[in-house]
Amino acid sequence: MADGLLRARNLTRGTDLGTAVESADSLWAKFMGLMGRPPLEPGAALWLPDSNGIHMMFMRFAIDAVFLGKPDGEGVRAVVSVHPRLARWRGLVPFVRGGHGVLELPVGTIAASGTVVGDRIALVPA
C-alpha cells in the first residue's frame, strides 16, 4: 500500500516514529490491525485513528504503542500514553483516557525516538 502512507514525526524530539505508516481507516481494518501479519519492518507502523484501547490477542510479535490525543488547530497530537514492548498474546491496553488514536510500532521505536508523554506528534503524508 504505497499510496496513502503517512509519516509520524515527533516534533518535540525531532525524530520519526514511522516513515511508512498505514492508516486503518475502516472498522474492519481496525479490527484486523496487525493480526496475521509479519513483524513490522523498521520505519513501518499502523495508525488506528479514534482508538483508545488495543489488545495483543492473535498477535505473532511484540510492538510498541503510542496513544495520541485529539489534534490541535494545526493537526498536531499530544502523546497521552506510551507502552513499550507489549508482549504478543499477553499485552493489553484496555482504555487510555484522552486517547484518540494509537500508533502501533516496531519494538524499540519508543526508546529510539525518545518519545514520552506530552511530546507533539504530526501525522503527515509520507
Protein backbone atom coordinates (compact mmCIF):
# COMPACT_ATOMS: atom_id res chain seq x y z
CA MET A 1 0.00 0.00 0.00
CA ALA A 2 2.34 2.73 -1.23
CA ASP A 3 -0.42 5.30 -1.74
CA GLY A 4 -1.89 6.94 1.33
CA LEU A 5 1.02 6.22 3.67
CA LEU A 6 1.73 8.66 6.47
CA ARG A 7 4.81 9.83 8.29
CA ALA A 8 4.66 10.11 12.09
CA ARG A 9 7.09 12.80 13.24
CA ASN A 10 7.85 13.64 16.87
CA LEU A 11 8.13 17.42 16.61
CA THR A 12 9.28 17.74 20.22
CA ARG A 13 12.30 15.46 19.78
CA GLY A 14 12.95 15.94 16.05
CA THR A 15 12.66 12.18 15.48
CA ASP A 16 10.48 9.89 13.36
CA LEU A 17 8.21 7.25 14.83
CA GLY A 18 7.40 5.91 11.38
CA THR A 19 8.11 6.85 7.80
CA ALA A 20 5.70 4.33 6.21
CA VAL A 21 2.60 4.46 8.41
CA GLU A 22 -0.51 2.67 7.15
CA SER A 23 -3.83 4.05 8.38
CA ALA A 24 -6.55 1.62 9.46
CA ASP A 25 -9.45 3.82 8.38
CA SER A 26 -12.27 1.26 8.33
CA LEU A 27 -13.83 -0.69 11.18
CA TRP A 28 -12.58 -3.94 9.58
CA ALA A 29 -9.02 -2.59 9.23
CA LYS A 30 -9.05 -1.56 12.90
CA PHE A 31 -10.40 -4.95 13.93
CA MET A 32 -7.73 -6.82 11.96
CA GLY A 33 -4.91 -4.45 12.90
CA LEU A 34 -1.62 -6.32 12.70
CA MET A 35 -3.13 -9.77 13.30
CA GLY A 36 -1.83 -12.36 10.89
CA ARG A 37 0.89 -10.09 9.53
CA PRO A 38 4.66 -10.49 9.68
CA PRO A 39 6.59 -8.31 12.15
CA LEU A 40 6.85 -4.63 11.29
CA GLU A 41 9.96 -3.51 9.44
CA PRO A 42 11.89 -0.50 10.80
CA GLY A 43 10.02 2.67 9.84
CA ALA A 44 6.71 0.84 9.31
CA ALA A 45 3.72 1.39 11.59
CA LEU A 46 -0.05 1.14 11.80
CA TRP A 47 -2.20 4.14 12.77
CA LEU A 48 -5.54 3.30 14.41
CA PRO A 49 -7.50 6.57 14.38
CA ASP A 50 -10.11 7.23 17.07
CA SER A 51 -8.92 4.27 19.17
CA ASN A 52 -8.29 4.42 22.91
CA GLY A 53 -7.54 0.77 23.66
CA ILE A 54 -5.84 -2.19 21.98
CA HIS A 55 -5.21 -5.87 22.61
CA MET A 56 -2.50 -8.28 21.54
CA MET A 57 -4.64 -11.38 21.03
CA PHE A 58 -3.64 -13.40 17.95
CA MET A 59 -0.54 -11.23 17.51
CA ARG A 60 2.61 -13.05 16.40
CA PHE A 61 5.04 -10.38 17.61
CA ALA A 62 5.51 -7.71 20.27
CA ILE A 63 5.03 -4.00 19.49
CA ASP A 64 5.44 -0.54 20.97
CA ALA A 65 2.22 1.51 21.20
CA VAL A 66 1.91 5.29 21.41
CA PHE A 67 -1.52 6.75 22.19
CA LEU A 68 -2.23 10.24 20.88
CA GLY A 69 -4.86 12.82 21.85
CA LYS A 70 -7.13 14.85 19.61
CA PRO A 71 -5.43 17.05 17.01
CA ASP A 72 -4.93 20.70 17.88
CA GLY A 73 -5.66 23.56 15.46
CA GLU A 74 -2.53 22.67 13.46
CA GLY A 75 -3.35 18.96 13.29
CA VAL A 76 -0.65 18.05 15.81
CA ARG A 77 -1.46 15.50 18.52
CA ALA A 78 -0.02 15.17 22.03
CA VAL A 79 1.27 11.84 23.31
CA VAL A 80 -1.05 10.77 26.15
CA SER A 81 0.41 7.31 26.89
CA VAL A 82 3.36 5.13 25.83
CA HIS A 83 3.55 1.33 26.05
CA PRO A 84 6.88 -0.17 25.03
CA ARG A 85 7.31 -3.89 24.37
CA LEU A 86 3.70 -5.07 24.56
CA ALA A 87 4.04 -8.83 24.61
CA ARG A 88 2.39 -10.90 21.90
CA TRP A 89 -0.78 -12.61 23.12
CA ARG A 90 -0.42 -11.15 26.64
CA GLY A 91 -0.17 -7.39 26.23
CA LEU A 92 -3.36 -5.44 26.83
CA VAL A 93 -4.00 -1.72 26.97
CA PRO A 94 -7.71 -1.59 27.83
CA PHE A 95 -8.55 2.13 27.68
CA VAL A 96 -6.35 5.21 27.66
CA ARG A 97 -8.01 8.34 28.99
CA GLY A 98 -7.73 11.08 26.38
CA GLY A 99 -6.64 8.63 23.68
CA HIS A 100 -8.00 9.40 20.20
CA GLY A 101 -5.69 7.18 18.18
CA VAL A 102 -2.77 4.82 18.58
CA LEU A 103 0.39 4.16 16.64
CA GLU A 104 1.46 0.51 16.62
CA LEU A 105 5.22 0.44 16.07
CA PRO A 106 8.16 -1.97 15.94
CA VAL A 107 9.60 -2.78 19.36
CA GLY A 108 12.29 -0.28 20.30
CA THR A 109 10.75 2.67 18.44
CA ILE A 110 9.67 4.48 21.61
CA ALA A 111 13.18 4.25 23.08
CA ALA A 112 14.97 5.10 19.82
CA SER A 113 12.80 8.18 19.19
CA GLY A 114 12.89 9.34 22.82
CA THR A 115 9.10 9.67 22.81
CA VAL A 116 7.45 10.48 26.15
CA VAL A 117 4.04 11.65 27.34
CA GLY A 118 3.46 15.25 26.31
CA ASP A 119 5.50 15.14 23.10
CA ARG A 120 3.82 16.58 20.00
CA ILE A 121 3.33 14.23 17.02
CA ALA A 122 2.49 15.23 13.45
CA LEU A 123 0.90 12.72 11.08
CA VAL A 124 1.54 13.94 7.53
CA PRO A 125 1.55 12.33 4.08
CA ALA A 126 4.73 10.32 3.52
